[in-house]
Amino acid sequence: MAETKSASAQSASAQAHAETAVEDLAVQIAALREDLTKLSRSMAAVGQGAKSVVTEEAQEITEQLRDRVRQEPIFMIAAAAGIGYLLGLLSRR
């Protein structure tokens, strides 16, 4: 009979321990979800910053190229023809 009470007490203790562990896991999962949300927002902000930098650089390079074409139109036409010729040679293979 003492063994039954001891086993019952151990079972109750184990169940209480399991419930505590489940509650702890639920708290940890909630914290992880919050951390993931914060991380997602941070990554979105970084992505937007990188996008704006790349956009500005592309606009600057485009403007420089336009200026160069205006300054040296014959050279640019020759360069475009040369690039087209090379691409034509490569596409044959």
PDB file of N, CA and C in Angstrom:
ATOM      1  N   MET A   1       0.816  -1.183   0.000  1.00  0.00           N
ATOM      2  CA  MET A   1       0.000   0.000   0.000  1.00  0.00           C
ATOM      3  C   MET A   1       0.863   1.250   0.000  1.00  0.00           C
ATOM      4  N   ALA A   2       1.971   1.172   0.750  1.00  0.00           N
ATOM      5  CA  ALA A   2       2.884   2.309   0.787  1.00  0.00           C
ATOM      6  C   ALA A   2       3.500   2.528  -0.583  1.00  0.00           C
ATOM      7  N   GLU A   3       3.692   1.395  -1.288  1.00  0.00           N
ATOM      8  CA  GLU A   3       4.259   1.508  -2.626  1.00  0.00           C
ATOM      9  C   GLU A   3       3.279   2.198  -3.566  1.00  0.00           C
ATOM     10  N   THR A   4       1.990   1.929  -3.402  1.00  0.00           N
ATOM     11  CA  THR A   4       0.971   2.542  -4.234  1.00  0.00           C
ATOM     12  C   THR A   4       0.925   4.040  -3.998  1.00  0.00           C
ATOM     13  N   LYS A   5       0.988   4.456  -2.715  1.00  0.00           N
ATOM     14  CA  LYS A   5       0.981   5.884  -2.397  1.00  0.00           C
ATOM     15  C   LYS A   5       2.239   6.548  -2.937  1.00  0.00           C
ATOM     16  N   SER A   6       3.358   5.856  -2.816  1.00  0.00           N
ATOM     17  CA  SER A   6       4.622   6.394  -3.306  1.00  0.00           C
ATOM     18  C   SER A   6       4.589   6.530  -4.825  1.00  0.00           C
ATOM     19  N   ALA A   7       4.063   5.525  -5.492  1.00  0.00           N
ATOM     20  CA  ALA A   7       3.962   5.568  -6.952  1.00  0.00           C
ATOM     21  C   ALA A   7       2.996   6.659  -7.377  1.00  0.00           C
ATOM     22  N   SER A   8       1.884   6.788  -6.637  1.00  0.00           N
ATOM     23  CA  SER A   8       0.902   7.824  -6.936  1.00  0.00           C
ATOM     24  C   SER A   8       1.507   9.210  -6.736  1.00  0.00           C
ATOM     25  N   ALA A   9       2.277   9.380  -5.680  1.00  0.00           N
ATOM     26  CA  ALA A   9       2.932  10.663  -5.408  1.00  0.00           C
ATOM     27  C   ALA A   9       3.958  10.971  -6.490  1.00  0.00           C
ATOM     28  N   GLN A  10       4.688   9.933  -6.914  1.00  0.00           N
ATOM     29  CA  GLN A  10       5.675  10.135  -7.973  1.00  0.00           C
ATOM     30  C   GLN A  10       4.987  10.495  -9.284  1.00  0.00           C
ATOM     31  N   SER A  11       3.862   9.846  -9.546  1.00  0.00           N
ATOM     32  CA  SER A  11       3.113  10.124 -10.764  1.00  0.00           C
ATOM     33  C   SER A  11       2.589  11.559 -10.759  1.00  0.00           C
ATOM     34  N   ALA A  12       2.063  11.990  -9.621  1.00  0.00           N
ATOM     35  CA  ALA A  12       1.561  13.360  -9.499  1.00  0.00           C
ATOM     36  C   ALA A  12       2.701  14.356  -9.650  1.00  0.00           C
ATOM     37  N   SER A  13       3.834  14.035  -9.067  1.00  0.00           N
ATOM     38  CA  SER A  13       5.004  14.907  -9.170  1.00  0.00           C
ATOM     39  C   SER A  13       5.483  14.992 -10.618  1.00  0.00           C
ATOM     40  N   ALA A  14       5.500  13.850 -11.280  1.00  0.00           N
ATOM     41  CA  ALA A  14       5.929  13.822 -12.680  1.00  0.00           C
ATOM     42  C   ALA A  14       4.959  14.603 -13.555  1.00  0.00           C
ATOM     43  N   GLN A  15       3.658  14.480 -13.259  1.00  0.00           N
ATOM     44  CA  GLN A  15       2.657  15.200 -14.035  1.00  0.00           C
ATOM     45  C   GLN A  15       2.799  16.704 -13.815  1.00  0.00           C
ATOM     46  N   ALA A  16       3.023  17.120 -12.584  1.00  0.00           N
ATOM     47  CA  ALA A  16       3.210  18.543 -12.288  1.00  0.00           C
ATOM     48  C   ALA A  16       4.461  19.065 -12.989  1.00  0.00           C
ATOM     49  N   HIS A  17       5.508  18.257 -12.981  1.00  0.00           N
ATOM     50  CA  HIS A  17       6.749  18.642 -13.649  1.00  0.00           C
ATOM     51  C   HIS A  17       6.524  18.775 -15.160  1.00  0.00           C
ATOM     52  N   ALA A  18       5.752  17.849 -15.720  1.00  0.00           N
ATOM     53  CA  ALA A  18       5.459  17.884 -17.152  1.00  0.00           C
ATOM     54  C   ALA A  18       4.636  19.121 -17.502  1.00  0.00           C
ATOM     55  N   GLU A  19       3.657  19.450 -16.659  1.00  0.00           N
ATOM     56  CA  GLU A  19       2.839  20.638 -16.904  1.00  0.00           C
ATOM     57  C   GLU A  19       3.690  21.900 -16.851  1.00  0.00           C
ATOM     58  N   THR A  20       4.609  21.954 -15.892  1.00  0.00           N
ATOM     59  CA  THR A  20       5.511  23.099 -15.786  1.00  0.00           C
ATOM     60  C   THR A  20       6.390  23.191 -17.029  1.00  0.00           C
ATOM     61  N   ALA A  21       6.867  22.049 -17.494  1.00  0.00           N
ATOM     62  CA  ALA A  21       7.709  22.029 -18.693  1.00  0.00           C
ATOM     63  C   ALA A  21       6.927  22.507 -19.913  1.00  0.00           C
ATOM     64  N   VAL A  22       5.669  22.097 -20.019  1.00  0.00           N
ATOM     65  CA  VAL A  22       4.826  22.520 -21.140  1.00  0.00           C
ATOM     66  C   VAL A  22       4.610  24.030 -21.093  1.00  0.00           C
ATOM     67  N   GLU A  23       4.348  24.560 -19.904  1.00  0.00           N
ATOM     68  CA  GLU A  23       4.161  26.003 -19.756  1.00  0.00           C
ATOM     69  C   GLU A  23       5.438  26.759 -20.128  1.00  0.00           C
ATOM     70  N   ASP A  24       6.584  26.230 -19.688  1.00  0.00           N
ATOM     71  CA  ASP A  24       7.862  26.859 -20.030  1.00  0.00           C
ATOM     72  C   ASP A  24       8.085  26.857 -21.539  1.00  0.00           C
ATOM     73  N   LEU A  25       7.755  25.742 -22.173  1.00  0.00           N
ATOM     74  CA  LEU A  25       7.904  25.663 -23.628  1.00  0.00           C
ATOM     75  C   LEU A  25       6.986  26.653 -24.330  1.00  0.00           C
ATOM     76  N   ALA A  26       5.774  26.805 -23.831  1.00  0.00           N
ATOM     77  CA  ALA A  26       4.839  27.757 -24.432  1.00  0.00           C
ATOM     78  C   ALA A  26       5.387  29.178 -24.333  1.00  0.00           C
ATOM     79  N   VAL A  27       5.973  29.512 -23.189  1.00  0.00           N
ATOM     80  CA  VAL A  27       6.565  30.842 -23.006  1.00  0.00           C
ATOM     81  C   VAL A  27       7.744  31.025 -23.958  1.00  0.00           C
ATOM     82  N   GLN A  28       8.572  29.999 -24.082  1.00  0.00           N
ATOM     83  CA  GLN A  28       9.729  30.082 -24.973  1.00  0.00           C
ATOM     84  C   GLN A  28       9.305  30.205 -26.433  1.00  0.00           C
ATOM     85  N   ILE A  29       8.265  29.491 -26.818  1.00  0.00           N
ATOM     86  CA  ILE A  29       7.758  29.575 -28.190  1.00  0.00           C
ATOM     87  C   ILE A  29       7.220  30.973 -28.467  1.00  0.00           C
ATOM     88  N   ALA A  30       6.510  31.548 -27.515  1.00  0.00           N
ATOM     89  CA  ALA A  30       5.999  32.909 -27.685  1.00  0.00           C
ATOM     90  C   ALA A  30       7.150  33.897 -27.830  1.00  0.00           C
ATOM     91  N   ALA A  31       8.200  33.722 -27.035  1.00  0.00           N
ATOM     92  CA  ALA A  31       9.369  34.603 -27.130  1.00  0.00           C
ATOM     93  C   ALA A  31      10.056  34.445 -28.482  1.00  0.00           C
ATOM     94  N   LEU A  32      10.150  33.215 -28.970  1.00  0.00           N
ATOM     95  CA  LEU A  32      10.757  32.979 -30.286  1.00  0.00           C
ATOM     96  C   LEU A  32       9.937  33.623 -31.397  1.00  0.00           C
ATOM     97  N   ARG A  33       8.628  33.534 -31.293  1.00  0.00           N
ATOM     98  CA  ARG A  33       7.772  34.170 -32.304  1.00  0.00           C
ATOM     99  C   ARG A  33       7.981  35.680 -32.308  1.00  0.00           C
ATOM    100  N   GLU A  34       8.075  36.257 -31.128  1.00  0.00           N
ATOM    101  CA  GLU A  34       8.308  37.699 -31.026  1.00  0.00           C
ATOM    102  C   GLU A  34       9.670  38.064 -31.621  1.00  0.00           C
ATOM    103  N   ASP A  35      10.688  37.254 -31.314  1.00  0.00           N
ATOM    104  CA  ASP A  35      12.020  37.499 -31.869  1.00  0.00           C
ATOM    105  C   ASP A  35      12.016  37.389 -33.389  1.00  0.00           C
ATOM    106  N   LEU A  36      11.295  36.405 -33.919  1.00  0.00           N
ATOM    107  CA  LEU A  36      11.211  36.249 -35.373  1.00  0.00           C
ATOM    108  C   LEU A  36      10.509  37.435 -36.020  1.00  0.00           C
ATOM    109  N   THR A  37       9.488  37.947 -35.366  1.00  0.00           N
ATOM    110  CA  THR A  37       8.793  39.120 -35.882  1.00  0.00           C
ATOM    111  C   THR A  37       9.732  40.315 -35.931  1.00  0.00           C
ATOM    112  N   LYS A  38      10.487  40.521 -34.853  1.00  0.00           N
ATOM    113  CA  LYS A  38      11.447  41.627 -34.819  1.00  0.00           C
ATOM    114  C   LYS A  38      12.521  41.450 -35.887  1.00  0.00           C
ATOM    115  N   LEU A  39      12.997  40.222 -36.045  1.00  0.00           N
ATOM    116  CA  LEU A  39      14.019  39.940 -37.047  1.00  0.00           C
ATOM    117  C   LEU A  39      13.484  40.193 -38.453  1.00  0.00           C
ATOM    118  N   SER A  40      12.258  39.798 -38.704  1.00  0.00           N
ATOM    119  CA  SER A  40      11.647  40.029 -40.016  1.00  0.00           C
ATOM    120  C   SER A  40      11.552  41.515 -40.317  1.00  0.00           C
ATOM    121  N   ARG A  41      11.151  42.289 -39.325  1.00  0.00           N
ATOM    122  CA  ARG A  41      11.061  43.742 -39.519  1.00  0.00           C
ATOM    123  C   ARG A  41      12.431  44.343 -39.783  1.00  0.00           C
ATOM    124  N   SER A  42      13.430  43.880 -39.043  1.00  0.00           N
ATOM    125  CA  SER A  42      14.791  44.390 -39.234  1.00  0.00           C
ATOM    126  C   SER A  42      15.302  44.059 -40.628  1.00  0.00           C
ATOM    127  N   MET A  43      15.069  42.831 -41.067  1.00  0.00           N
ATOM    128  CA  MET A  43      15.536  42.427 -42.391  1.00  0.00           C
ATOM    129  C   MET A  43      14.808  43.208 -43.481  1.00  0.00           C
ATOM    130  N   ALA A  44      13.539  43.490 -43.281  1.00  0.00           N
ATOM    131  CA  ALA A  44      12.795  44.284 -44.255  1.00  0.00           C
ATOM    132  C   ALA A  44      13.381  45.687 -44.346  1.00  0.00           C
ATOM    133  N   ALA A  45      13.741  46.259 -43.205  1.00  0.00           N
ATOM    134  CA  ALA A  45      14.341  47.593 -43.202  1.00  0.00           C
ATOM    135  C   ALA A  45      15.693  47.580 -43.905  1.00  0.00           C
ATOM    136  N   VAL A  46      16.487  46.547 -43.656  1.00  0.00           N
ATOM    137  CA  VAL A  46      17.791  46.426 -44.323  1.00  0.00           C
ATOM    138  C   VAL A  46      17.588  46.283 -45.826  1.00  0.00           C
ATOM    139  N   GLY A  47      16.627  45.475 -46.225  1.00  0.00           N
ATOM    140  CA  GLY A  47      16.336  45.288 -47.649  1.00  0.00           C
ATOM    141  C   GLY A  47      15.909  46.576 -48.318  1.00  0.00           C
ATOM    142  N   GLN A  48      15.079  47.351 -47.641  1.00  0.00           N
ATOM    143  CA  GLN A  48      14.645  48.630 -48.202  1.00  0.00           C
ATOM    144  C   GLN A  48      15.823  49.587 -48.340  1.00  0.00           C
ATOM    145  N   GLY A  49      16.702  49.589 -47.340  1.00  0.00           N
ATOM    146  CA  GLY A  49      17.886  50.448 -47.404  1.00  0.00           C
ATOM    147  C   GLY A  49      18.787  50.055 -48.558  1.00  0.00           C
ATOM    148  N   ALA A  50      18.999  48.760 -48.729  1.00  0.00           N
ATOM    149  CA  ALA A  50      19.838  48.280 -49.830  1.00  0.00           C
ATOM    150  C   ALA A  50      19.193  48.603 -51.173  1.00  0.00           C
ATOM    151  N   LYS A  51      17.888  48.472 -51.245  1.00  0.00           N
ATOM    152  CA  LYS A  51      17.178  48.777 -52.488  1.00  0.00           C
ATOM    153  C   LYS A  51      17.361  50.236 -52.870  1.00  0.00           C
ATOM    154  N   SER A  52      17.243  51.127 -51.905  1.00  0.00           N
ATOM    155  CA  SER A  52      17.388  52.549 -52.216  1.00  0.00           C
ATOM    156  C   SER A  52      18.812  52.881 -52.641  1.00  0.00           C
ATOM    157  N   VAL A  53      19.806  52.239 -52.014  1.00  0.00           N
ATOM    158  CA  VAL A  53      21.205  52.478 -52.398  1.00  0.00           C
ATOM    159  C   VAL A  53      21.445  51.995 -53.823  1.00  0.00           C
ATOM    160  N   VAL A  54      20.976  50.807 -54.143  1.00  0.00           N
ATOM    161  CA  VAL A  54      21.170  50.253 -55.483  1.00  0.00           C
ATOM    162  C   VAL A  54      20.441  51.103 -56.523  1.00  0.00           C
ATOM    163  N   THR A  55      19.244  51.553 -56.198  1.00  0.00           N
ATOM    164  CA  THR A  55      18.487  52.394 -57.124  1.00  0.00           C
ATOM    165  C   THR A  55      19.224  53.697 -57.400  1.00  0.00           C
ATOM    166  N   GLU A  56      19.740  54.318 -56.361  1.00  0.00           N
ATOM    167  CA  GLU A  56      20.491  55.564 -56.540  1.00  0.00           C
ATOM    168  C   GLU A  56      21.739  55.342 -57.385  1.00  0.00           C
ATOM    169  N   GLU A  57      22.453  54.248 -57.119  1.00  0.00           N
ATOM    170  CA  GLU A  57      23.662  53.937 -57.896  1.00  0.00           C
ATOM    171  C   GLU A  57      23.315  53.697 -59.360  1.00  0.00           C
ATOM    172  N   ALA A  58      22.242  52.962 -59.615  1.00  0.00           N
ATOM    173  CA  ALA A  58      21.834  52.680 -60.992  1.00  0.00           C
ATOM    174  C   ALA A  58      21.459  53.967 -61.719  1.00  0.00           C
ATOM    175  N   GLN A  59      20.771  54.858 -61.033  1.00  0.00           N
ATOM    176  CA  GLN A  59      20.409  56.133 -61.646  1.00  0.00           C
ATOM    177  C   GLN A  59      21.650  56.964 -61.954  1.00  0.00           C
ATOM    178  N   GLU A  60      22.610  56.953 -61.046  1.00  0.00           N
ATOM    179  CA  GLU A  60      23.839  57.710 -61.255  1.00  0.00           C
ATOM    180  C   GLU A  60      24.634  57.149 -62.439  1.00  0.00           C
ATOM    181  N   ILE A  61      24.746  55.832 -62.518  1.00  0.00           N
ATOM    182  CA  ILE A  61      25.476  55.207 -63.626  1.00  0.00           C
ATOM    183  C   ILE A  61      24.766  55.480 -64.950  1.00  0.00           C
ATOM    184  N   THR A  62      23.442  55.411 -64.943  1.00  0.00           N
ATOM    185  CA  THR A  62      22.675  55.702 -66.155  1.00  0.00           C
ATOM    186  C   THR A  62      22.914  57.134 -66.615  1.00  0.00           C
ATOM    187  N   GLU A  63      22.901  58.057 -65.686  1.00  0.00           N
ATOM    188  CA  GLU A  63      23.138  59.464 -66.032  1.00  0.00           C
ATOM    189  C   GLU A  63      24.554  59.666 -66.569  1.00  0.00           C
ATOM    190  N   GLN A  64      25.538  59.004 -65.963  1.00  0.00           N
ATOM    191  CA  GLN A  64      26.918  59.109 -66.452  1.00  0.00           C
ATOM    192  C   GLN A  64      27.034  58.547 -67.864  1.00  0.00           C
ATOM    193  N   LEU A  65      26.366  57.434 -68.119  1.00  0.00           N
ATOM    194  CA  LEU A  65      26.399  56.835 -69.449  1.00  0.00           C
ATOM    195  C   LEU A  65      25.742  57.755 -70.472  1.00  0.00           C
ATOM    196  N   ARG A  66      24.635  58.351 -70.109  1.00  0.00           N
ATOM    197  CA  ARG A  66      23.971  59.297 -71.023  1.00  0.00           C
ATOM    198  C   ARG A  66      24.874  60.487 -71.334  1.00  0.00           C
ATOM    199  N   ASP A  67      25.544  60.999 -70.308  1.00  0.00           N
ATOM    200  CA  ASP A  67      26.476  62.114 -70.530  1.00  0.00           C
ATOM    201  C   ASP A  67      27.604  61.700 -71.463  1.00  0.00           C
ATOM    202  N   ARG A  68      28.116  60.499 -71.268  1.00  0.00           N
ATOM    203  CA  ARG A  68      29.222  60.018 -72.108  1.00  0.00           C
ATOM    204  C   ARG A  68      28.764  59.849 -73.550  1.00  0.00           C
ATOM    205  N   VAL A  69      27.539  59.350 -73.741  1.00  0.00           N
ATOM    206  CA  VAL A  69      27.003  59.195 -75.098  1.00  0.00           C
ATOM    207  C   VAL A  69      26.862  60.560 -75.761  1.00  0.00           C
ATOM    208  N   ARG A  70      26.445  61.551 -75.011  1.00  0.00           N
ATOM    209  CA  ARG A  70      26.315  62.906 -75.569  1.00  0.00           C
ATOM    210  C   ARG A  70      27.678  63.494 -75.931  1.00  0.00           C
ATOM    211  N   GLN A  71      28.689  63.192 -75.120  1.00  0.00           N
ATOM    212  CA  GLN A  71      30.026  63.735 -75.357  1.00  0.00           C
ATOM    213  C   GLN A  71      30.746  63.007 -76.489  1.00  0.00           C
ATOM    214  N   GLU A  72      30.572  61.707 -76.593  1.00  0.00           N
ATOM    215  CA  GLU A  72      31.303  60.904 -77.575  1.00  0.00           C
ATOM    216  C   GLU A  72      30.352  59.945 -78.295  1.00  0.00           C
ATOM    217  N   PRO A  73      29.468  60.473 -79.129  1.00  0.00           N
ATOM    218  CA  PRO A  73      28.475  59.592 -79.762  1.00  0.00           C
ATOM    219  C   PRO A  73      29.094  58.575 -80.728  1.00  0.00           C
ATOM    220  N   ILE A  74      30.112  58.963 -81.474  1.00  0.00           N
ATOM    221  CA  ILE A  74      30.711  58.045 -82.454  1.00  0.00           C
ATOM    222  C   ILE A  74      31.383  56.878 -81.732  1.00  0.00           C
ATOM    223  N   PHE A  75      32.105  57.179 -80.664  1.00  0.00           N
ATOM    224  CA  PHE A  75      32.763  56.120 -79.893  1.00  0.00           C
ATOM    225  C   PHE A  75      31.728  55.147 -79.336  1.00  0.00           C
ATOM    226  N   MET A  76      30.635  55.659 -78.830  1.00  0.00           N
ATOM    227  CA  MET A  76      29.606  54.804 -78.244  1.00  0.00           C
ATOM    228  C   MET A  76      28.932  53.937 -79.305  1.00  0.00           C
ATOM    229  N   ILE A  77      28.718  54.490 -80.493  1.00  0.00           N
ATOM    230  CA  ILE A  77      28.137  53.691 -81.579  1.00  0.00           C
ATOM    231  C   ILE A  77      29.097  52.567 -81.961  1.00  0.00           C
ATOM    232  N   ALA A  78      30.382  52.894 -82.042  1.00  0.00           N
ATOM    233  CA  ALA A  78      31.385  51.876 -82.373  1.00  0.00           C
ATOM    234  C   ALA A  78      31.449  50.813 -81.272  1.00  0.00           C
ATOM    235  N   ALA A  79      31.384  51.236 -80.028  1.00  0.00           N
ATOM    236  CA  ALA A  79      31.419  50.284 -78.915  1.00  0.00           C
ATOM    237  C   ALA A  79      30.199  49.368 -78.965  1.00  0.00           C
ATOM    238  N   ALA A  80      29.026  49.931 -79.227  1.00  0.00           N
ATOM    239  CA  ALA A  80      27.809  49.125 -79.313  1.00  0.00           C
ATOM    240  C   ALA A  80      27.897  48.135 -80.471  1.00  0.00           C
ATOM    241  N   ALA A  81      28.452  48.577 -81.598  1.00  0.00           N
ATOM    242  CA  ALA A  81      28.610  47.682 -82.751  1.00  0.00           C
ATOM    243  C   ALA A  81      29.585  46.558 -82.413  1.00  0.00           C
ATOM    244  N   GLY A  82      30.670  46.895 -81.736  1.00  0.00           N
ATOM    245  CA  GLY A  82      31.652  45.877 -81.348  1.00  0.00           C
ATOM    246  C   GLY A  82      31.057  44.857 -80.392  1.00  0.00           C
ATOM    247  N   ILE A  83      30.304  45.328 -79.440  1.00  0.00           N
ATOM    248  CA  ILE A  83      29.662  44.415 -78.484  1.00  0.00           C
ATOM    249  C   ILE A  83      28.652  43.523 -79.206  1.00  0.00           C
ATOM    250  N   GLY A  84      27.893  44.111 -80.119  1.00  0.00           N
ATOM    251  CA  GLY A  84      26.933  43.326 -80.898  1.00  0.00           C
ATOM    252  C   GLY A  84      27.619  42.267 -81.739  1.00  0.00           C
ATOM    253  N   TYR A  85      28.747  42.632 -82.339  1.00  0.00           N
ATOM    254  CA  TYR A  85      29.515  41.678 -83.145  1.00  0.00           C
ATOM    255  C   TYR A  85      30.003  40.517 -82.280  1.00  0.00           C
ATOM    256  N   LEU A  86      30.570  40.844 -81.106  1.00  0.00           N
ATOM    257  CA  LEU A  86      31.061  39.793 -80.206  1.00  0.00           C
ATOM    258  C   LEU A  86      29.929  38.877 -79.736  1.00  0.00           C
ATOM    259  N   LEU A  87      28.800  39.458 -79.398  1.00  0.00           N
ATOM    260  CA  LEU A  87      27.656  38.640 -78.980  1.00  0.00           C
ATOM    261  C   LEU A  87      27.176  37.750 -80.125  1.00  0.00           C
ATOM    262  N   GLY A  88      27.230  38.279 -81.347  1.00  0.00           N
ATOM    263  CA  GLY A  88      26.865  37.476 -82.513  1.00  0.00           C
ATOM    264  C   GLY A  88      27.797  36.293 -82.695  1.00  0.00           C
ATOM    265  N   LEU A  89      29.097  36.533 -82.506  1.00  0.00           N
ATOM    266  CA  LEU A  89      30.061  35.436 -82.610  1.00  0.00           C
ATOM    267  C   LEU A  89      29.815  34.381 -81.538  1.00  0.00           C
ATOM    268  N   LEU A  90      29.547  34.831 -80.329  1.00  0.00           N
ATOM    269  CA  LEU A  90      29.313  33.891 -79.230  1.00  0.00           C
ATOM    270  C   LEU A  90      28.020  33.098 -79.413  1.00  0.00           C
ATOM    271  N   SER A  91      27.018  33.711 -80.008  1.00  0.00           N
ATOM    272  CA  SER A  91      25.734  33.021 -80.162  1.00  0.00           C
ATOM    273  C   SER A  91      25.779  31.957 -81.254  1.00  0.00           C
ATOM    274  N   ARG A  92      26.733  32.039 -82.151  1.00  0.00           N
ATOM    275  CA  ARG A  92      26.865  31.029 -83.204  1.00  0.00           C
ATOM    276  C   ARG A  92      27.320  29.692 -82.638  1.00  0.00           C
ATOM    277  N   ARG A  93      28.061  29.739 -81.576  1.00  0.00           N
ATOM    278  CA  ARG A  93      28.648  28.508 -81.022  1.00  0.00           C
ATOM    279  C   ARG A  93      27.664  27.753 -80.241  1.00  0.00           C
TER     280      ARG A  93
END
